[in-house]
Amino acid sequence: AADSEPERLAASEVQWGDQPCPTAWPPKRTSPASASSTAPTASVATDVPSGTRATPPPGLRGSMVRLSRDREGCRLVQDALRTIKDDDIRATLVSELHGHVWEALRCPNANYVLQRCITSLPPAMSHFVLDELTSGGPGSISQAARHRYGCRILERILETYSEEQLREVLEELIRESVSLASHPFANYVLQHLIEYGPRDAREQLVRQLACHAHVLGADGCAGAVLAKALSVGDGQMRFELARRIMDSQGLLASLARTRHGHIAVQALLRLLEVSPREHAAACAALQAEMLALGESRYGRLVLGWIHPEVQAPPTSP
């Protein structure tokens, strides 16, 4: 199952603009007899002659769902949504995707089409994506956030829609933030909320993280969320989170030994530079765990960031 994979897709796979399908995905195998019936053959026409009634390009109308599922077809659909200027044509094409959002979300090709709908179409035209995601009731947004492709859809949604339109999404993400922060895909959605979400929602989320810092700090994925929360946003909220981490005995050193947690420690140290007393206390707490930190590659990095005279102990061969 995708949710059990330890790492999210590589960054190159997430850059979906002009290369919508990860090159690592194997090509779809089709028999010679079926290849001609499955391969997309439509071309995109963007200009409509004056006085001519706008109609969808040949090959797209009636085939949007089928093409969106296809490796090459999804490229064609994305190009059409991006380049066609006539809103009536785009609305006609997109209407074929209504009722297929959850199906497309789970598809390695069609999920890119949903992302293109959100980023290239007016919000009123793409709002069906948000409507269908929230229509599943409580837990549906968390389910999407935990999916390897669904997390991308939610990232685009957080970038695009207004606070009022996002109300249900934000409420569930904040309510379930502790469990989502520890998930290998959902943690990216929370990071996106911290960076792109409305101010009130960001503050609520950071408060929630601060209250559960002692639990989240022990988790590798959650460390990335803490790092983001310590790096961007309101300074007062960031200081509150940093102090909660320092008040939890052993948490700072525990974070320092993990892949994402050591980035959170770096962000915390930079944040506390404006408060010499607190910065010195954080460094002292790390120095007290020097031996344990020296046994971890990430811990040794952290030791190199604090006072110059502090050296990591040599590691055994």
Protein backbone atom coordinates (compact mmCIF):
# COMPACT_ATOMS: atom_id res chain seq x y z
CA ALA A 1 0.00 0.00 0.00
CA ALA A 2 1.25 3.49 -0.85
CA ASP A 3 0.70 4.80 2.67
CA SER A 4 3.21 2.32 4.08
CA GLU A 5 6.10 3.61 2.00
CA PRO A 6 8.75 5.27 4.14
CA GLU A 7 9.44 8.20 1.84
CA ARG A 8 7.37 10.48 -0.33
CA LEU A 9 7.98 10.77 -4.05
CA ALA A 10 11.24 12.42 -4.98
CA ALA A 11 11.23 16.15 -5.57
CA SER A 12 11.61 15.66 -9.33
CA GLU A 13 8.34 13.78 -9.35
CA VAL A 14 6.50 16.60 -7.68
CA GLN A 15 7.52 19.19 -10.27
CA TRP A 16 4.55 18.54 -12.43
CA GLY A 17 4.35 21.67 -14.59
CA ASP A 18 5.88 20.65 -17.92
CA GLN A 19 6.79 17.09 -17.00
CA PRO A 20 3.58 15.78 -15.47
CA CYS A 21 4.52 12.12 -15.14
CA PRO A 22 7.52 10.83 -13.14
CA THR A 23 10.04 9.28 -15.49
CA ALA A 24 10.50 6.40 -13.07
CA TRP A 25 7.00 5.15 -13.70
CA PRO A 26 7.03 2.23 -16.16
CA PRO A 27 5.24 2.90 -19.44
CA LYS A 28 1.77 1.48 -19.72
CA ARG A 29 1.91 -1.88 -21.48
CA THR A 30 -0.60 -2.36 -24.24
CA SER A 31 -0.95 -5.00 -26.89
CA PRO A 32 -0.43 -3.93 -30.54
CA ALA A 33 -4.13 -4.46 -31.12
CA SER A 34 -5.20 -2.11 -28.34
CA ALA A 35 -2.46 0.51 -28.73
CA SER A 36 -4.28 2.44 -31.43
CA SER A 37 -7.45 2.63 -29.36
CA THR A 38 -5.76 3.86 -26.16
CA ALA A 39 -3.14 6.28 -27.47
CA PRO A 40 -4.31 9.91 -27.36
CA THR A 41 -4.37 11.51 -30.79
CA ALA A 42 -6.06 14.84 -30.12
CA SER A 43 -4.28 18.13 -30.62
CA VAL A 44 -4.94 21.31 -28.74
CA ALA A 45 -6.24 24.33 -30.61
CA THR A 46 -6.21 27.51 -28.56
CA ASP A 47 -7.49 30.13 -31.00
CA VAL A 48 -11.12 30.42 -32.06
CA PRO A 49 -11.77 32.32 -35.33
CA SER A 50 -13.88 35.43 -34.92
CA GLY A 51 -17.58 34.77 -35.38
CA THR A 52 -17.17 31.03 -34.87
CA ARG A 53 -18.91 29.23 -32.04
CA ALA A 54 -16.36 27.91 -29.56
CA THR A 55 -16.16 24.12 -29.46
CA PRO A 56 -13.75 21.78 -27.63
CA PRO A 57 -10.76 20.52 -29.65
CA PRO A 58 -11.43 17.25 -31.49
CA GLY A 59 -10.57 14.18 -29.47
CA LEU A 60 -10.96 15.79 -26.05
CA ARG A 61 -14.70 16.10 -25.69
CA GLY A 62 -16.15 12.90 -24.29
CA SER A 63 -12.66 11.53 -23.52
CA MET A 64 -11.42 13.67 -20.63
CA VAL A 65 -11.61 10.92 -18.02
CA ARG A 66 -10.00 8.31 -20.26
CA LEU A 67 -7.21 10.64 -21.38
CA SER A 68 -6.55 11.84 -17.83
CA ARG A 69 -5.80 8.27 -16.75
CA ASP A 70 -3.26 7.79 -19.54
CA ARG A 71 0.42 8.65 -19.22
CA GLU A 72 0.51 10.70 -22.41
CA GLY A 73 -3.15 11.65 -22.35
CA CYS A 74 -2.81 13.49 -19.06
CA ARG A 75 -0.20 15.73 -20.70
CA LEU A 76 -2.61 16.56 -23.48
CA VAL A 77 -5.41 17.39 -21.04
CA GLN A 78 -3.12 19.59 -18.94
CA ASP A 79 -1.95 21.48 -22.02
CA ALA A 80 -5.56 22.07 -23.04
CA LEU A 81 -6.54 23.42 -19.62
CA ARG A 82 -3.48 25.65 -19.55
CA THR A 83 -3.58 27.03 -23.09
CA ILE A 84 -7.24 27.23 -24.13
CA LYS A 85 -8.45 30.76 -23.42
CA ASP A 86 -12.19 30.30 -23.91
CA ASP A 87 -13.84 29.67 -20.53
CA ASP A 88 -16.87 28.04 -22.14
CA ILE A 89 -14.67 25.41 -23.78
CA ARG A 90 -12.73 24.78 -20.58
CA ALA A 91 -15.91 24.53 -18.55
CA THR A 92 -17.33 22.00 -21.03
CA LEU A 93 -14.20 19.87 -20.83
CA VAL A 94 -13.83 20.06 -17.05
CA SER A 95 -17.47 19.12 -16.51
CA GLU A 96 -16.57 15.61 -17.66
CA LEU A 97 -14.32 15.26 -14.61
CA HIS A 98 -17.14 16.01 -12.18
CA GLY A 99 -17.83 12.98 -10.02
CA HIS A 100 -14.38 11.51 -10.68
CA VAL A 101 -12.22 13.45 -8.19
CA TRP A 102 -11.48 10.59 -5.80
CA GLU A 103 -10.77 8.27 -8.70
CA ALA A 104 -8.40 10.82 -10.24
CA LEU A 105 -6.75 11.53 -6.89
CA ARG A 106 -5.66 7.89 -6.65
CA CYS A 107 -4.39 7.73 -10.24
CA PRO A 108 -0.65 8.33 -10.91
CA ASN A 109 -1.57 10.28 -14.05
CA ALA A 110 -4.98 11.86 -13.44
CA ASN A 111 -3.89 13.49 -10.18
CA TYR A 112 -1.84 15.91 -12.27
CA VAL A 113 -4.95 16.89 -14.19
CA LEU A 114 -6.68 17.81 -10.92
CA GLN A 115 -3.67 19.91 -9.96
CA ARG A 116 -3.82 21.67 -13.30
CA CYS A 117 -7.53 22.34 -12.84
CA ILE A 118 -6.83 24.04 -9.53
CA THR A 119 -3.89 26.14 -10.73
CA SER A 120 -5.03 27.09 -14.24
CA LEU A 121 -8.80 27.52 -13.96
CA PRO A 122 -10.81 30.22 -12.16
CA PRO A 123 -11.71 29.04 -8.63
CA ALA A 124 -15.41 28.91 -9.50
CA MET A 125 -14.62 26.45 -12.31
CA SER A 126 -12.27 24.23 -10.29
CA HIS A 127 -14.22 24.31 -7.03
CA PHE A 128 -15.76 20.93 -7.82
CA VAL A 129 -12.44 19.35 -6.71
CA LEU A 130 -12.76 20.84 -3.24
CA ASP A 131 -16.49 20.09 -3.09
CA GLU A 132 -16.01 16.40 -3.87
CA LEU A 133 -13.15 16.01 -1.41
CA THR A 134 -15.17 17.46 1.46
CA SER A 135 -18.40 15.68 0.51
CA GLY A 136 -17.07 12.47 2.01
CA GLY A 137 -17.70 13.83 5.49
CA PRO A 138 -15.41 13.77 8.55
CA GLY A 139 -12.09 12.10 7.84
CA SER A 140 -12.15 12.58 4.07
CA ILE A 141 -9.54 15.35 4.09
CA SER A 142 -7.25 13.32 6.35
CA GLN A 143 -7.66 10.38 4.01
CA ALA A 144 -6.63 12.52 1.05
CA ALA A 145 -3.69 13.98 2.99
CA ARG A 146 -2.36 10.49 3.73
CA HIS A 147 -2.43 9.47 0.07
CA ARG A 148 0.78 9.82 -1.92
CA TYR A 149 -1.04 11.74 -4.68
CA GLY A 150 -3.81 13.20 -2.57
CA CYS A 151 -1.32 15.21 -0.54
CA ARG A 152 -0.37 17.05 -3.72
CA ILE A 153 -3.98 17.94 -4.46
CA LEU A 154 -4.36 19.44 -0.99
CA GLU A 155 -1.16 21.42 -1.41
CA ARG A 156 -2.54 23.05 -4.57
CA ILE A 157 -5.84 23.69 -2.78
CA LEU A 158 -4.08 25.44 0.11
CA GLU A 159 -2.24 27.64 -2.37
CA THR A 160 -5.33 28.66 -4.29
CA TYR A 161 -8.58 29.03 -2.37
CA SER A 162 -9.76 31.66 0.10
CA GLU A 163 -9.95 31.17 3.87
CA GLU A 164 -13.73 30.85 3.73
CA GLN A 165 -13.57 28.25 0.97
CA LEU A 166 -10.94 26.32 2.93
CA ARG A 167 -12.82 26.33 6.24
CA GLU A 168 -13.69 22.60 6.34
CA VAL A 169 -10.24 21.62 5.09
CA LEU A 170 -8.44 23.75 7.66
CA GLU A 171 -10.60 22.59 10.55
CA GLU A 172 -9.87 18.93 9.87
CA LEU A 173 -6.17 19.41 9.20
CA ILE A 174 -5.74 21.27 12.49
CA ARG A 175 -7.92 18.84 14.43
CA GLU A 176 -5.96 15.84 13.15
CA SER A 177 -2.59 17.58 13.01
CA VAL A 178 -0.81 15.39 15.58
CA SER A 179 -1.46 12.15 13.69
CA LEU A 180 -1.01 13.78 10.27
CA ALA A 181 2.35 15.27 11.24
CA SER A 182 3.71 11.77 11.78
CA HIS A 183 2.57 10.48 8.39
CA PRO A 184 5.10 10.26 5.52
CA PHE A 185 2.80 12.06 3.07
CA ALA A 186 0.41 14.07 5.24
CA ASN A 187 3.25 15.90 6.97
CA TYR A 188 3.88 17.74 3.70
CA VAL A 189 0.32 19.05 3.73
CA LEU A 190 0.82 20.51 7.22
CA GLN A 191 4.08 22.09 6.11
CA HIS A 192 2.20 23.66 3.22
CA LEU A 193 -0.48 24.95 5.57
CA ILE A 194 2.20 26.59 7.71
CA GLU A 195 3.68 28.29 4.66
CA TYR A 196 0.59 29.15 2.60
CA GLY A 197 -2.43 28.93 4.90
CA PRO A 198 -4.40 31.84 6.37
CA ARG A 199 -2.78 33.50 9.38
CA ASP A 200 -5.37 32.33 11.93
CA ALA A 201 -5.12 28.74 10.74
CA ARG A 202 -1.33 28.84 10.85
CA GLU A 203 -1.39 30.10 14.42
CA GLN A 204 -3.88 27.45 15.51
CA LEU A 205 -1.74 24.75 13.96
CA VAL A 206 1.49 25.97 15.55
CA ARG A 207 -0.23 26.11 18.97
CA GLN A 208 -1.36 22.54 18.47
CA LEU A 209 2.17 21.49 17.55
CA ALA A 210 3.55 23.29 20.60
CA CYS A 211 1.13 21.50 22.92
CA HIS A 212 2.24 18.12 21.57
CA ALA A 213 5.90 18.90 20.90
CA HIS A 214 7.02 16.22 23.36
CA VAL A 215 5.24 13.57 21.28
CA LEU A 216 6.03 14.93 17.83
CA GLY A 217 9.71 15.42 18.53
CA ALA A 218 10.27 11.68 18.72
CA ASP A 219 8.90 11.11 15.22
CA GLY A 220 11.05 11.51 12.12
CA CYS A 221 8.31 12.86 9.83
CA ALA A 222 6.94 15.22 12.45
CA GLY A 223 10.39 16.72 12.82
CA ALA A 224 9.99 18.21 9.34
CA VAL A 225 6.74 19.89 10.39
CA LEU A 226 8.39 21.32 13.50
CA ALA A 227 11.27 22.59 11.37
CA LYS A 228 8.85 24.41 9.06
CA ALA A 229 6.92 25.87 12.01
CA LEU A 230 10.17 27.17 13.53
CA SER A 231 11.32 28.68 10.23
CA VAL A 232 8.34 30.65 8.88
CA GLY A 233 5.43 32.62 10.25
CA ASP A 234 4.74 34.81 13.24
CA GLY A 235 7.77 35.30 15.46
CA GLN A 236 5.84 35.05 18.73
CA MET A 237 4.34 31.71 17.75
CA ARG A 238 7.73 30.39 16.70
CA PHE A 239 9.23 31.41 20.05
CA GLU A 240 6.40 29.70 21.89
CA LEU A 241 7.10 26.48 20.00
CA ALA A 242 10.85 26.76 20.57
CA ARG A 243 10.34 27.21 24.32
CA ARG A 244 7.99 24.23 24.50
CA ILE A 245 10.67 22.10 22.85
CA MET A 246 13.34 23.31 25.27
CA ASP A 247 11.07 22.75 28.28
CA SER A 248 10.60 19.09 27.38
CA GLN A 249 13.55 17.27 28.91
CA GLY A 250 15.73 15.51 26.35
CA LEU A 251 13.56 16.56 23.39
CA LEU A 252 16.11 18.93 21.85
CA ALA A 253 18.80 16.23 21.77
CA SER A 254 16.30 13.67 20.50
CA LEU A 255 15.38 15.95 17.59
CA ALA A 256 19.04 16.58 16.86
CA ARG A 257 19.64 12.90 16.10
CA THR A 258 17.00 12.53 13.37
CA ARG A 259 16.99 13.34 9.67
CA HIS A 260 14.36 16.07 9.79
CA GLY A 261 14.61 16.87 13.47
CA HIS A 262 18.14 18.20 13.21
CA ILE A 263 16.85 20.81 10.76
CA ALA A 264 14.31 21.81 13.40
CA VAL A 265 17.14 22.22 15.90
CA GLN A 266 19.06 24.38 13.45
CA ALA A 267 15.97 26.58 12.96
CA LEU A 268 15.50 26.79 16.73
CA LEU A 269 19.11 27.89 17.29
CA ARG A 270 18.83 30.56 14.63
CA LEU A 271 15.56 31.79 16.09
CA LEU A 272 17.05 32.08 19.57
CA GLU A 273 20.04 34.10 18.42
CA VAL A 274 18.07 37.25 19.32
CA SER A 275 17.84 35.97 22.90
CA PRO A 276 21.41 35.20 24.04
CA ARG A 277 20.28 33.68 27.34
CA GLU A 278 17.93 31.21 25.70
CA HIS A 279 20.40 30.47 22.92
CA ALA A 280 23.08 29.65 25.49
CA ALA A 281 20.64 27.39 27.34
CA ALA A 282 19.86 25.48 24.14
CA CYS A 283 23.55 25.04 23.37
CA ALA A 284 24.20 23.85 26.92
CA ALA A 285 21.42 21.27 26.63
CA LEU A 286 22.98 19.95 23.44
CA GLN A 287 26.49 19.91 24.92
CA ALA A 288 25.20 17.83 27.82
CA GLU A 289 24.25 15.15 25.27
CA MET A 290 27.51 15.35 23.33
CA LEU A 291 28.31 11.64 23.52
CA ALA A 292 24.87 10.61 22.31
CA LEU A 293 24.89 13.20 19.55
CA GLY A 294 28.33 12.08 18.44
CA GLU A 295 26.93 8.64 17.63
CA SER A 296 24.54 10.09 15.03
CA ARG A 297 25.48 11.68 11.70
CA TYR A 298 22.80 14.31 12.26
CA GLY A 299 23.85 14.85 15.84
CA ARG A 300 27.40 15.51 14.71
CA LEU A 301 26.10 18.17 12.33
CA VAL A 302 24.30 19.86 15.20
CA LEU A 303 27.45 19.81 17.33
CA GLY A 304 29.21 21.62 14.51
CA TRP A 305 26.62 24.40 14.62
CA ILE A 306 27.00 25.32 18.28
CA HIS A 307 29.99 26.97 19.94
CA PRO A 308 33.20 26.61 17.87
CA GLU A 309 35.10 25.12 20.78
CA VAL A 310 32.66 22.21 20.97
CA GLN A 311 33.90 19.28 18.94
CA ALA A 312 32.06 16.07 18.28
CA PRO A 313 33.79 13.04 19.82
CA PRO A 314 35.50 10.75 17.32
CA THR A 315 33.40 7.88 16.10
CA SER A 316 34.58 4.30 16.35
CA PRO A 317 35.84 2.80 13.08
